[in-house]
C-alpha atoms as a PDB file:
ATOM      1  CA  MET A   1      -4.792  14.361  21.352  1.00  0.00           C
ATOM      2  CA  SER A   2      -2.948  11.144  20.413  1.00  0.00           C
ATOM      3  CA  LYS A   3      -4.597   7.653  20.126  1.00  0.00           C
ATOM      4  CA  ALA A   4      -2.631   6.550  23.231  1.00  0.00           C
ATOM      5  CA  GLU A   5      -4.074   9.460  25.245  1.00  0.00           C
ATOM      6  CA  ILE A   6      -7.631   8.784  24.090  1.00  0.00           C
ATOM      7  CA  LEU A   7      -7.423   5.090  25.006  1.00  0.00           C
ATOM      8  CA  GLY A   8      -5.757   6.006  28.254  1.00  0.00           C
ATOM      9  CA  ASN A   9      -8.624   8.287  29.146  1.00  0.00           C
ATOM     10  CA  ILE A  10     -11.115   5.513  28.324  1.00  0.00           C
ATOM     11  CA  ARG A  11      -9.215   2.985  30.537  1.00  0.00           C
ATOM     12  CA  ARG A  12      -9.141   5.462  33.437  1.00  0.00           C
ATOM     13  CA  GLY A  13     -12.915   6.051  33.038  1.00  0.00           C
ATOM     14  CA  LEU A  14     -13.466   2.308  33.169  1.00  0.00           C
ATOM     15  CA  LYS A  15     -11.042   2.058  36.075  1.00  0.00           C
ATOM     16  CA  ARG A  16      -8.931  -0.435  34.086  1.00  0.00           C
ATOM     17  CA  GLY A  17      -5.206  -0.586  33.599  1.00  0.00           C
ATOM     18  CA  GLU A  18      -3.176  -1.704  30.608  1.00  0.00           C
ATOM     19  CA  ALA A  19      -4.496  -5.019  29.168  1.00  0.00           C
ATOM     20  CA  SER A  20      -2.540  -8.036  30.340  1.00  0.00           C
ATOM     21  CA  GLU A  21      -1.042 -10.518  27.848  1.00  0.00           C
ATOM     22  CA  GLU A  22      -3.848 -12.947  28.741  1.00  0.00           C
ATOM     23  CA  GLN A  23      -6.507 -10.348  27.947  1.00  0.00           C
ATOM     24  CA  LYS A  24      -4.780  -9.466  24.634  1.00  0.00           C
ATOM     25  CA  GLN A  25      -4.614 -13.156  23.718  1.00  0.00           C
ATOM     26  CA  ALA A  26      -8.323 -13.509  24.483  1.00  0.00           C
ATOM     27  CA  VAL A  27      -9.087 -10.690  22.046  1.00  0.00           C
ATOM     28  CA  LEU A  28      -6.952 -12.306  19.358  1.00  0.00           C
ATOM     29  CA  ASN A  29      -8.701 -15.638  19.939  1.00  0.00           C
ATOM     30  CA  ARG A  30     -12.090 -13.951  19.586  1.00  0.00           C
ATOM     31  CA  ILE A  31     -11.053 -12.344  16.310  1.00  0.00           C
ATOM     32  CA  ASN A  32      -9.653 -15.567  14.906  1.00  0.00           C
ATOM     33  CA  GLN A  33     -12.788 -17.522  15.834  1.00  0.00           C
ATOM     34  CA  HIS A  34     -15.155 -14.982  14.294  1.00  0.00           C
ATOM     35  CA  ALA A  35     -17.130 -16.371  11.349  1.00  0.00           C
ATOM     36  CA  ARG A  36     -15.982 -14.974   8.031  1.00  0.00           C
ATOM     37  CA  ASN A  37     -18.206 -12.759   5.924  1.00  0.00           C
ATOM     38  CA  LEU A  38     -19.588 -13.909   2.641  1.00  0.00           C
ATOM     39  CA  ILE A  39     -16.685 -13.957   0.134  1.00  0.00           C
ATOM     40  CA  PRO A  40     -17.431 -12.845  -3.445  1.00  0.00           C
ATOM     41  CA  GLN A  41     -17.227 -15.753  -5.894  1.00  0.00           C
ATOM     42  CA  ARG A  42     -14.970 -13.904  -8.238  1.00  0.00           C
ATOM     43  CA  SER A  43     -12.135 -13.758  -5.698  1.00  0.00           C
ATOM     44  CA  GLN A  44     -12.341 -17.459  -4.935  1.00  0.00           C
ATOM     45  CA  LEU A  45      -9.698 -18.445  -7.413  1.00  0.00           C
ATOM     46  CA  SER A  46      -6.376 -20.222  -7.653  1.00  0.00           C
ATOM     47  CA  HIS A  47      -3.441 -17.950  -6.878  1.00  0.00           C
ATOM     48  CA  ALA A  48      -2.669 -17.678 -10.632  1.00  0.00           C
ATOM     49  CA  GLY A  49      -6.277 -16.680 -11.177  1.00  0.00           C
ATOM     50  CA  GLN A  50      -6.090 -14.065  -8.435  1.00  0.00           C
ATOM     51  CA  ILE A  51      -3.065 -12.493 -10.093  1.00  0.00           C
ATOM     52  CA  GLU A  52      -4.841 -12.235 -13.349  1.00  0.00           C
ATOM     53  CA  LEU A  53      -7.902 -10.745 -11.724  1.00  0.00           C
ATOM     54  CA  PHE A  54      -5.756  -8.261  -9.773  1.00  0.00           C
ATOM     55  CA  ILE A  55      -4.082  -7.118 -12.970  1.00  0.00           C
ATOM     56  CA  ALA A  56      -7.469  -6.741 -14.754  1.00  0.00           C
ATOM     57  CA  MET A  57      -9.083  -4.800 -11.943  1.00  0.00           C
ATOM     58  CA  ALA A  58      -6.129  -2.532 -11.232  1.00  0.00           C
ATOM     59  CA  THR A  59      -5.919  -1.669 -15.016  1.00  0.00           C
ATOM     60  CA  GLU A  60      -9.625  -0.997 -15.090  1.00  0.00           C
ATOM     61  CA  ALA A  61      -9.218   1.331 -12.156  1.00  0.00           C
ATOM     62  CA  ALA A  62      -6.726   3.375 -14.395  1.00  0.00           C
ATOM     63  CA  ALA A  63      -3.519   2.177 -12.736  1.00  0.00           C
ATOM     64  CA  GLU A  64      -0.521   1.668 -14.950  1.00  0.00           C
ATOM     65  CA  LEU A  65       1.057  -1.669 -14.350  1.00  0.00           C
ATOM     66  CA  PHE A  66       4.470  -3.093 -15.319  1.00  0.00           C
ATOM     67  CA  GLN A  67       5.306  -6.791 -14.922  1.00  0.00           C
ATOM     68  CA  LEU A  68       8.933  -7.263 -13.957  1.00  0.00           C
ATOM     69  CA  ASN A  69      10.941 -10.473 -13.725  1.00  0.00           C
ATOM     70  CA  SER A  70      12.996  -9.132 -10.818  1.00  0.00           C
ATOM     71  CA  ILE A  71      12.953  -6.320  -8.326  1.00  0.00           C
ATOM     72  CA  THR A  72      16.375  -5.315  -9.770  1.00  0.00           C
ATOM     73  CA  GLU A  73      14.583  -3.892 -12.768  1.00  0.00           C
ATOM     74  CA  VAL A  74      12.770  -1.251 -10.638  1.00  0.00           C
ATOM     75  CA  PRO A  75      15.392   1.607 -10.869  1.00  0.00           C
ATOM     76  CA  GLN A  76      15.537   1.529 -14.681  1.00  0.00           C
ATOM     77  CA  ILE A  77      11.699   1.343 -15.031  1.00  0.00           C
ATOM     78  CA  CYS A  78      11.311   4.324 -12.775  1.00  0.00           C
ATOM     79  CA  ALA A  79      14.058   6.298 -14.459  1.00  0.00           C
ATOM     80  CA  THR A  80      12.663   5.716 -17.938  1.00  0.00           C
ATOM     81  CA  TRP A  81       9.075   6.615 -16.904  1.00  0.00           C
ATOM     82  CA  LEU A  82      10.079   9.693 -15.022  1.00  0.00           C
ATOM     83  CA  LYS A  83      12.393  10.921 -17.835  1.00  0.00           C
ATOM     84  CA  ASP A  84       9.456  10.546 -20.296  1.00  0.00           C
ATOM     85  CA  HIS A  85       7.415  12.732 -17.953  1.00  0.00           C
ATOM     86  CA  HIS A  86      10.254  15.274 -17.397  1.00  0.00           C
ATOM     87  CA  ILE A  87      10.761  14.421 -13.724  1.00  0.00           C
ATOM     88  CA  ASP A  88      14.232  13.970 -12.328  1.00  0.00           C
ATOM     89  CA  THR A  89      13.697  13.327  -8.611  1.00  0.00           C
ATOM     90  CA  LEU A  90      12.151  10.333  -6.864  1.00  0.00           C
ATOM     91  CA  VAL A  91      11.353  10.308  -3.093  1.00  0.00           C
ATOM     92  CA  THR A  92      11.463   6.809  -1.769  1.00  0.00           C
ATOM     93  CA  ALA A  93      10.651   4.818   1.368  1.00  0.00           C
ATOM     94  CA  SER A  94      13.752   3.713   3.252  1.00  0.00           C
ATOM     95  CA  ASP A  95      12.940   0.008   3.691  1.00  0.00           C
ATOM     96  CA  GLU A  96      15.502  -2.613   2.813  1.00  0.00           C
ATOM     97  CA  ALA A  97      13.856  -3.732  -0.400  1.00  0.00           C
ATOM     98  CA  ILE A  98      14.288  -0.227  -1.928  1.00  0.00           C
ATOM     99  CA  LEU A  99      17.584   0.719  -0.343  1.00  0.00           C
ATOM    100  CA  GLY A 100      19.148  -2.507  -1.592  1.00  0.00           C
ATOM    101  CA  LEU A 101      18.510  -1.622  -5.265  1.00  0.00           C
ATOM    102  CA  ASP A 102      21.204  -0.320  -7.629  1.00  0.00           C
ATOM    103  CA  TRP A 103      20.072   3.286  -7.997  1.00  0.00           C
ATOM    104  CA  ASP A 104      23.408   4.231  -9.485  1.00  0.00           C
ATOM    105  CA  SER A 105      22.251   2.463 -12.627  1.00  0.00           C
ATOM    106  CA  ALA A 106      19.607   5.121 -13.023  1.00  0.00           C
ATOM    107  CA  ALA A 107      22.177   7.796 -13.661  1.00  0.00           C
ATOM    108  CA  GLU A 108      19.821  10.664 -14.577  1.00  0.00           C
ATOM    109  CA  LEU A 109      17.551  10.105 -11.584  1.00  0.00           C
ATOM    110  CA  THR A 110      18.030  11.652  -8.183  1.00  0.00           C
ATOM    111  CA  CYS A 111      16.714   9.545  -5.271  1.00  0.00           C
ATOM    112  CA  VAL A 112      16.110  10.729  -1.748  1.00  0.00           C
ATOM    113  CA  GLN A 113      14.811   8.907   1.274  1.00  0.00           C
ATOM    114  CA  ARG A 114      12.533  11.071   3.403  1.00  0.00           C
ATOM    115  CA  VAL A 115       8.885  11.974   4.077  1.00  0.00           C
ATOM    116  CA  ALA A 116       7.085  13.503   1.115  1.00  0.00           C
ATOM    117  CA  GLN A 117       6.702  17.198   0.934  1.00  0.00           C
ATOM    118  CA  VAL A 118       4.380  19.512  -0.923  1.00  0.00           C
ATOM    119  CA  GLY A 119       5.721  19.932  -4.437  1.00  0.00           C
ATOM    120  CA  ASP A 120       7.322  16.446  -4.755  1.00  0.00           C
ATOM    121  CA  SER A 121       6.505  14.979  -8.116  1.00  0.00           C
ATOM    122  CA  ALA A 122       7.095  11.266  -7.560  1.00  0.00           C
ATOM    123  CA  SER A 123       7.439   8.654  -4.797  1.00  0.00           C
ATOM    124  CA  LEU A 124       8.233   4.976  -4.544  1.00  0.00           C
ATOM    125  CA  THR A 125       7.001   2.658  -1.839  1.00  0.00           C
ATOM    126  CA  THR A 126       6.516  -1.074  -1.340  1.00  0.00           C
ATOM    127  CA  SER A 127       3.142  -2.585  -0.559  1.00  0.00           C
ATOM    128  CA  PHE A 128       1.968  -5.105   1.977  1.00  0.00           C
ATOM    129  CA  ALA A 129      -0.642  -6.895  -0.212  1.00  0.00           C
ATOM    130  CA  GLY A 130      -2.591  -6.711  -3.398  1.00  0.00           C
ATOM    131  CA  ILE A 131      -6.311  -7.546  -3.251  1.00  0.00           C
ATOM    132  CA  ALA A 132      -7.562  -9.234  -6.398  1.00  0.00           C
ATOM    133  CA  GLU A 133     -11.233  -8.622  -5.712  1.00  0.00           C
ATOM    134  CA  THR A 134     -10.967  -4.928  -6.622  1.00  0.00           C
ATOM    135  CA  GLY A 135      -7.385  -4.485  -7.866  1.00  0.00           C
ATOM    136  CA  THR A 136      -6.581  -2.666  -4.554  1.00  0.00           C
ATOM    137  CA  LEU A 137      -3.226  -2.149  -2.835  1.00  0.00           C
ATOM    138  CA  MET A 138      -2.857  -2.424   0.930  1.00  0.00           C
ATOM    139  CA  LEU A 139      -0.096  -0.315   2.393  1.00  0.00           C
ATOM    140  CA  HIS A 140       0.588   0.476   6.016  1.00  0.00           C
ATOM    141  CA  SER A 141       2.671   3.059   7.824  1.00  0.00           C
ATOM    142  CA  GLY A 142       5.943   2.375   9.500  1.00  0.00           C
ATOM    143  CA  LYS A 143       9.203   4.041  10.435  1.00  0.00           C
ATOM    144  CA  ASP A 144      10.599   3.068   6.979  1.00  0.00           C
ATOM    145  CA  SER A 145       7.574   4.100   4.990  1.00  0.00           C
ATOM    146  CA  PRO A 146       5.753   7.217   5.980  1.00  0.00           C
ATOM    147  CA  THR A 147       2.188   7.636   4.788  1.00  0.00           C
ATOM    148  CA  THR A 148       2.944  11.002   3.178  1.00  0.00           C
ATOM    149  CA  LEU A 149       4.611   9.113   0.323  1.00  0.00           C
ATOM    150  CA  ASN A 150       1.263   7.550  -0.595  1.00  0.00           C
ATOM    151  CA  PHE A 151      -0.568  10.810  -1.063  1.00  0.00           C
ATOM    152  CA  LEU A 152       1.449  14.023  -1.520  1.00  0.00           C
ATOM    153  CA  PRO A 153       3.377  13.396  -4.770  1.00  0.00           C
ATOM    154  CA  ASP A 154       1.552  13.536  -8.107  1.00  0.00           C
ATOM    155  CA  ASN A 155       2.949  10.167  -9.173  1.00  0.00           C
ATOM    156  CA  HIS A 156       3.126   7.071  -6.949  1.00  0.00           C
ATOM    157  CA  PHE A 157       5.232   3.982  -7.845  1.00  0.00           C
ATOM    158  CA  VAL A 158       4.339   0.914  -5.790  1.00  0.00           C
ATOM    159  CA  ILE A 159       6.341  -2.390  -5.672  1.00  0.00           C
ATOM    160  CA  LEU A 160       4.052  -5.425  -5.328  1.00  0.00           C
ATOM    161  CA  ASN A 161       5.257  -9.029  -5.192  1.00  0.00           C
ATOM    162  CA  ARG A 162       3.005 -11.565  -6.946  1.00  0.00           C
ATOM    163  CA  SER A 163       3.207 -13.759  -3.837  1.00  0.00           C
ATOM    164  CA  ASP A 164       1.516 -10.979  -1.809  1.00  0.00           C
ATOM    165  CA  ILE A 165      -1.634 -10.998  -3.930  1.00  0.00           C
ATOM    166  CA  VAL A 166      -4.690 -12.400  -2.173  1.00  0.00           C
ATOM    167  CA  GLY A 167      -8.330 -12.963  -3.263  1.00  0.00           C
ATOM    168  CA  PRO A 168     -10.675 -10.954  -0.980  1.00  0.00           C
ATOM    169  CA  TYR A 169     -10.203  -8.147   1.580  1.00  0.00           C
ATOM    170  CA  GLU A 170     -10.624 -10.593   4.448  1.00  0.00           C
ATOM    171  CA  ASP A 171      -7.495 -12.439   3.435  1.00  0.00           C
ATOM    172  CA  ALA A 172      -5.493  -9.213   3.328  1.00  0.00           C
ATOM    173  CA  TRP A 173      -6.584  -8.262   6.807  1.00  0.00           C
ATOM    174  CA  GLN A 174      -5.824 -11.781   8.163  1.00  0.00           C
ATOM    175  CA  LYS A 175      -2.362 -11.542   6.561  1.00  0.00           C
ATOM    176  CA  LEU A 176      -1.779  -8.215   8.355  1.00  0.00           C
ATOM    177  CA  ARG A 177      -2.999  -9.629  11.693  1.00  0.00           C
ATOM    178  CA  ASP A 178      -0.737 -12.636  11.320  1.00  0.00           C
ATOM    179  CA  LYS A 179       2.247 -10.419  10.599  1.00  0.00           C
ATOM    180  CA  THR A 180       1.686  -7.974  13.434  1.00  0.00           C
ATOM    181  CA  GLN A 181       0.349 -10.476  16.002  1.00  0.00           C
ATOM    182  CA  GLY A 182      -2.583  -8.085  16.626  1.00  0.00           C
ATOM    183  CA  GLU A 183      -0.454  -5.003  16.976  1.00  0.00           C
ATOM    184  CA  LEU A 184      -1.882  -3.215  13.944  1.00  0.00           C
ATOM    185  CA  PRO A 185       0.072  -0.281  12.428  1.00  0.00           C
ATOM    186  CA  ARG A 186      -1.044   3.284  13.048  1.00  0.00           C
ATOM    187  CA  THR A 187      -2.302   3.700   9.484  1.00  0.00           C
ATOM    188  CA  VAL A 188      -3.526   1.216   6.858  1.00  0.00           C
ATOM    189  CA  ASN A 189      -4.274   2.574   3.415  1.00  0.00           C
ATOM    190  CA  MET A 190      -6.361   0.928   0.665  1.00  0.00           C
ATOM    191  CA  ILE A 191      -5.522   2.375  -2.723  1.00  0.00           C
ATOM    192  CA  THR A 192      -7.415   1.530  -5.875  1.00  0.00           C
ATOM    193  CA  GLY A 193      -6.099   3.353  -8.868  1.00  0.00           C
ATOM    194  CA  PRO A 194      -5.069   7.017  -8.879  1.00  0.00           C
ATOM    195  CA  SER A 195      -7.018   9.589  -6.868  1.00  0.00           C
ATOM    196  CA  ARG A 196     -10.060  10.969  -8.558  1.00  0.00           C
ATOM    197  CA  SER A 197     -13.310  12.846  -7.837  1.00  0.00           C
ATOM    198  CA  ALA A 198     -16.449  13.719  -9.709  1.00  0.00           C
ATOM    199  CA  ASP A 199     -17.966  15.825  -6.950  1.00  0.00           C
ATOM    200  CA  ILE A 200     -17.898  19.063  -9.028  1.00  0.00           C
ATOM    201  CA  GLU A 201     -20.593  19.008 -11.656  1.00  0.00           C
ATOM    202  CA  GLN A 202     -19.967  15.298 -12.161  1.00  0.00           C
ATOM    203  CA  THR A 203     -16.739  16.063 -14.067  1.00  0.00           C
ATOM    204  CA  LEU A 204     -14.014  13.527 -13.407  1.00  0.00           C
ATOM    205  CA  GLN A 205     -10.832  15.127 -11.957  1.00  0.00           C
ATOM    206  CA  MET A 206      -7.760  12.930 -11.599  1.00  0.00           C
ATOM    207  CA  GLY A 207      -5.427  13.603  -8.654  1.00  0.00           C
ATOM    208  CA  ALA A 208      -8.177  15.247  -6.621  1.00  0.00           C
ATOM    209  CA  HIS A 209      -7.036  14.013  -3.216  1.00  0.00           C
ATOM    210  CA  GLY A 210      -3.735  12.335  -4.033  1.00  0.00           C
ATOM    211  CA  PRO A 211      -1.595  11.066  -6.929  1.00  0.00           C
ATOM    212  CA  LYS A 212      -2.888  11.451 -10.407  1.00  0.00           C
ATOM    213  CA  ASP A 213      -0.845   8.509 -11.625  1.00  0.00           C
ATOM    214  CA  LEU A 214      -0.484   5.147  -9.844  1.00  0.00           C
ATOM    215  CA  ILE A 215       2.211   2.916 -11.266  1.00  0.00           C
ATOM    216  CA  ILE A 216       2.294  -0.625  -9.981  1.00  0.00           C
ATOM    217  CA  LEU A 217       5.545  -2.578 -10.395  1.00  0.00           C
ATOM    218  CA  LEU A 218       4.410  -6.214 -10.203  1.00  0.00           C
ATOM    219  CA  ILE A 219       7.407  -8.446  -9.368  1.00  0.00           C
ATOM    220  CA  ASN A 220       7.446 -11.993 -10.583  1.00  0.00           C
ATOM    221  CA  ASP A 221       8.893 -13.488  -7.421  1.00  0.00           C
END
């Protein structure tokens, strides 16, 4: 059963119809007026400090991070990394930032835009925000960036602009609410480093529930 059907059943049970614009605005006002939680001191930094903290925390979480002067460097960085790991195909999101890159310059790399499938070795997506507090990426689903790209391939490349780095989680959620005007996407993923688990005899296994390598392409925008 879809989310729309579940909510529809609840509305019918309450004998209520679709929320009016006035009711939706009342909910947004309540959210915006809600007192903020206690924010950790370490994330209350200048933006430059937040960027440094994000880099430190993401690296500590075993993510690989490249700092690029321009997004135009992305194809060559991906091609070089994948060649070194004997991978020749990259499945990418189809948003404008990725489609606008010169993939012909990465001659030995085959790029395809589609949902990820079992057996895909590498994917490339953009991210909505970086959270300095824990070195976490915030990604959300959309028609141009299916969630499968975040989890099925063994290696996940993520483009992050420095301007999209915030301090605490609260700022990332507020940034998302501001962008969507309260119409949150179907799925929001928080990704901190590559997937791992130590559930079996406390032995760390990388790639347990998703990519075993997370490569962050931090763009100096």
